[in-house]
Amino acid sequence: MTGSVATSGTTTTSAVHGHTLREATDRTNRRFEELFNAGDPSAAARAVYTRGARVLPPGAPLVQGIDAIAGFWAAAAAQLDVRRVALRTLDLQPMGDGAFEIGAATLTTSNEQSMDVKYVVVWRQEDGRWCWDVDVWNTNA
């Protein structure tokens, strides 16, 4: 394996089909932002989660499986009036056949109110691409 992933002041060697782990996960995160910010949170979820993924939202039961997660994101975005999301990777580390990411996100509503959250994502490869397999987050306030 070759390639360098800079994470929290450390460097980890990893390669994914000619791309570094960081490039691959950044590409997935940008795809989520792109689809969510275009007004389709359900499509955003379907583009980034594994088929058997699990989401552990704050104050709510575990959501499992791509269909349930797509429905969850559509409902949550509507209920919270979230129109835009921006993700920032703070740390990314290989872990066995996957990886984990610690990150921060800013969620913005239609009236330009924003909420900052922190998250942990466990990444797995599925169908040749890096996807979110476990996703947990909570607010900073």
Protein backbone atom coordinates (compact mmCIF):
# COMPACT_ATOMS: atom_id res chain seq x y z
CA MET A 1 0.00 0.00 0.00
CA THR A 2 1.25 3.44 -0.88
CA GLY A 3 0.05 6.99 -0.55
CA SER A 4 -0.05 9.32 2.38
CA VAL A 5 -3.02 10.44 4.44
CA ALA A 6 -2.43 13.42 6.68
CA THR A 7 -4.57 13.22 9.79
CA SER A 8 -4.37 15.31 12.93
CA GLY A 9 -0.68 15.90 12.61
CA THR A 10 0.08 12.25 11.82
CA THR A 11 0.69 10.58 8.50
CA THR A 12 -0.79 7.20 7.68
CA THR A 13 0.11 5.17 4.61
CA SER A 14 -2.82 3.79 2.64
CA ALA A 15 -3.95 3.49 -0.96
CA VAL A 16 -7.32 2.74 -2.48
CA HIS A 17 -7.23 1.83 -6.17
CA GLY A 18 -4.62 4.51 -6.90
CA HIS A 19 -6.21 7.10 -4.59
CA THR A 20 -5.41 7.78 -0.97
CA LEU A 21 -7.94 6.95 1.70
CA ARG A 22 -8.33 10.67 2.40
CA GLU A 23 -9.09 11.46 -1.26
CA ALA A 24 -11.66 8.65 -1.41
CA THR A 25 -13.46 9.67 1.80
CA ASP A 26 -13.37 13.34 0.82
CA ARG A 27 -15.00 12.43 -2.49
CA THR A 28 -17.79 10.57 -0.67
CA ASN A 29 -18.31 13.45 1.78
CA ARG A 30 -18.48 16.00 -1.06
CA ARG A 31 -21.08 13.82 -2.82
CA PHE A 32 -23.26 13.83 0.32
CA GLU A 33 -22.98 17.63 0.55
CA GLU A 34 -23.72 18.07 -3.16
CA LEU A 35 -26.91 15.98 -3.15
CA PHE A 36 -28.14 17.19 0.24
CA ASN A 37 -27.53 20.84 -0.64
CA ALA A 38 -29.37 20.33 -3.96
CA GLY A 39 -32.46 19.47 -1.91
CA ASP A 40 -32.38 15.66 -1.98
CA PRO A 41 -31.29 14.30 1.42
CA SER A 42 -32.65 10.85 0.55
CA ALA A 43 -30.42 10.62 -2.54
CA ALA A 44 -27.51 11.95 -0.48
CA ALA A 45 -27.94 9.09 1.98
CA ARG A 46 -28.25 6.48 -0.78
CA ALA A 47 -25.03 7.77 -2.35
CA VAL A 48 -22.84 7.40 0.73
CA TYR A 49 -24.09 4.70 3.13
CA THR A 50 -23.48 0.95 2.85
CA ARG A 51 -26.56 -1.21 2.28
CA GLY A 52 -26.50 -2.43 5.90
CA ALA A 53 -25.36 0.86 7.46
CA ARG A 54 -26.43 2.01 10.91
CA VAL A 55 -27.16 5.55 12.04
CA LEU A 56 -27.25 6.49 15.72
CA PRO A 57 -28.95 9.91 15.79
CA PRO A 58 -29.02 11.91 19.04
CA GLY A 59 -32.10 11.28 21.17
CA ALA A 60 -33.56 8.73 18.75
CA PRO A 61 -33.44 4.97 18.12
CA LEU A 62 -30.86 3.33 15.87
CA VAL A 63 -31.77 3.40 12.16
CA GLN A 64 -30.49 0.48 10.07
CA GLY A 65 -30.40 -0.24 6.34
CA ILE A 66 -30.13 2.08 3.37
CA ASP A 67 -33.90 2.46 2.81
CA ALA A 68 -34.59 3.34 6.45
CA ILE A 69 -31.61 5.74 6.53
CA ALA A 70 -32.73 7.48 3.31
CA GLY A 71 -36.18 7.95 4.87
CA PHE A 72 -34.64 9.16 8.11
CA TRP A 73 -32.58 11.85 6.37
CA ALA A 74 -35.53 13.06 4.30
CA ALA A 75 -37.71 13.35 7.42
CA ALA A 76 -35.00 14.87 9.62
CA ALA A 77 -34.07 17.51 7.04
CA ALA A 78 -37.72 18.51 6.67
CA GLN A 79 -38.44 18.48 10.41
CA LEU A 80 -35.34 20.52 11.30
CA ASP A 81 -35.59 22.69 8.17
CA VAL A 82 -31.97 21.89 7.27
CA ARG A 83 -31.14 23.02 3.74
CA ARG A 84 -27.35 22.85 3.67
CA VAL A 85 -24.66 20.74 5.27
CA ALA A 86 -20.89 21.24 5.28
CA LEU A 87 -18.64 18.40 6.51
CA ARG A 88 -15.07 18.76 7.77
CA THR A 89 -12.77 15.83 8.51
CA LEU A 90 -10.74 16.44 11.67
CA ASP A 91 -9.12 13.00 11.90
CA LEU A 92 -9.11 9.95 9.61
CA GLN A 93 -7.44 6.68 10.56
CA PRO A 94 -7.30 3.29 8.84
CA MET A 95 -8.80 0.54 11.01
CA GLY A 96 -8.51 -3.06 9.83
CA ASP A 97 -10.35 -3.30 6.50
CA GLY A 98 -12.07 0.03 7.11
CA ALA A 99 -11.37 3.42 8.64
CA PHE A 100 -12.83 5.83 11.17
CA GLU A 101 -13.36 9.54 10.82
CA ILE A 102 -13.90 12.19 13.47
CA GLY A 103 -15.43 15.28 11.99
CA ALA A 104 -17.41 18.46 12.41
CA ALA A 105 -20.41 19.61 10.41
CA THR A 106 -22.37 22.80 10.05
CA LEU A 107 -26.09 22.44 9.33
CA THR A 108 -27.85 25.51 7.95
CA THR A 109 -31.61 26.09 7.86
CA SER A 110 -33.67 27.94 5.26
CA ASN A 111 -33.58 31.09 7.41
CA GLU A 112 -29.75 30.91 7.60
CA GLN A 113 -29.59 29.69 11.21
CA SER A 114 -26.70 27.28 11.69
CA MET A 115 -25.98 24.46 14.11
CA ASP A 116 -22.56 22.89 14.67
CA VAL A 117 -22.30 19.15 15.27
CA LYS A 118 -19.51 16.66 15.76
CA TYR A 119 -19.55 13.15 14.33
CA VAL A 120 -17.82 9.80 14.08
CA VAL A 121 -18.15 7.68 10.94
CA VAL A 122 -16.90 4.13 10.51
CA TRP A 123 -16.01 3.64 6.84
CA ARG A 124 -16.20 0.39 4.84
CA GLN A 125 -15.60 -0.38 1.19
CA GLU A 126 -18.66 -1.53 -0.73
CA ASP A 127 -18.82 -2.07 -4.48
CA GLY A 128 -15.32 -0.63 -4.87
CA ARG A 129 -15.94 2.66 -3.07
CA TRP A 130 -15.60 3.97 0.47
CA CYS A 131 -18.97 4.35 2.23
CA TRP A 132 -20.35 5.30 5.63
CA ASP A 133 -21.16 2.13 7.59
CA VAL A 134 -21.78 3.53 11.09
CA ASP A 135 -22.65 7.19 11.67
CA VAL A 136 -23.13 8.85 15.06
CA TRP A 137 -23.28 12.56 15.90
CA ASN A 138 -24.44 15.12 18.43
CA THR A 139 -24.64 18.87 18.75
CA ASN A 140 -22.01 21.09 20.31
CA ALA A 141 -24.60 22.96 22.37
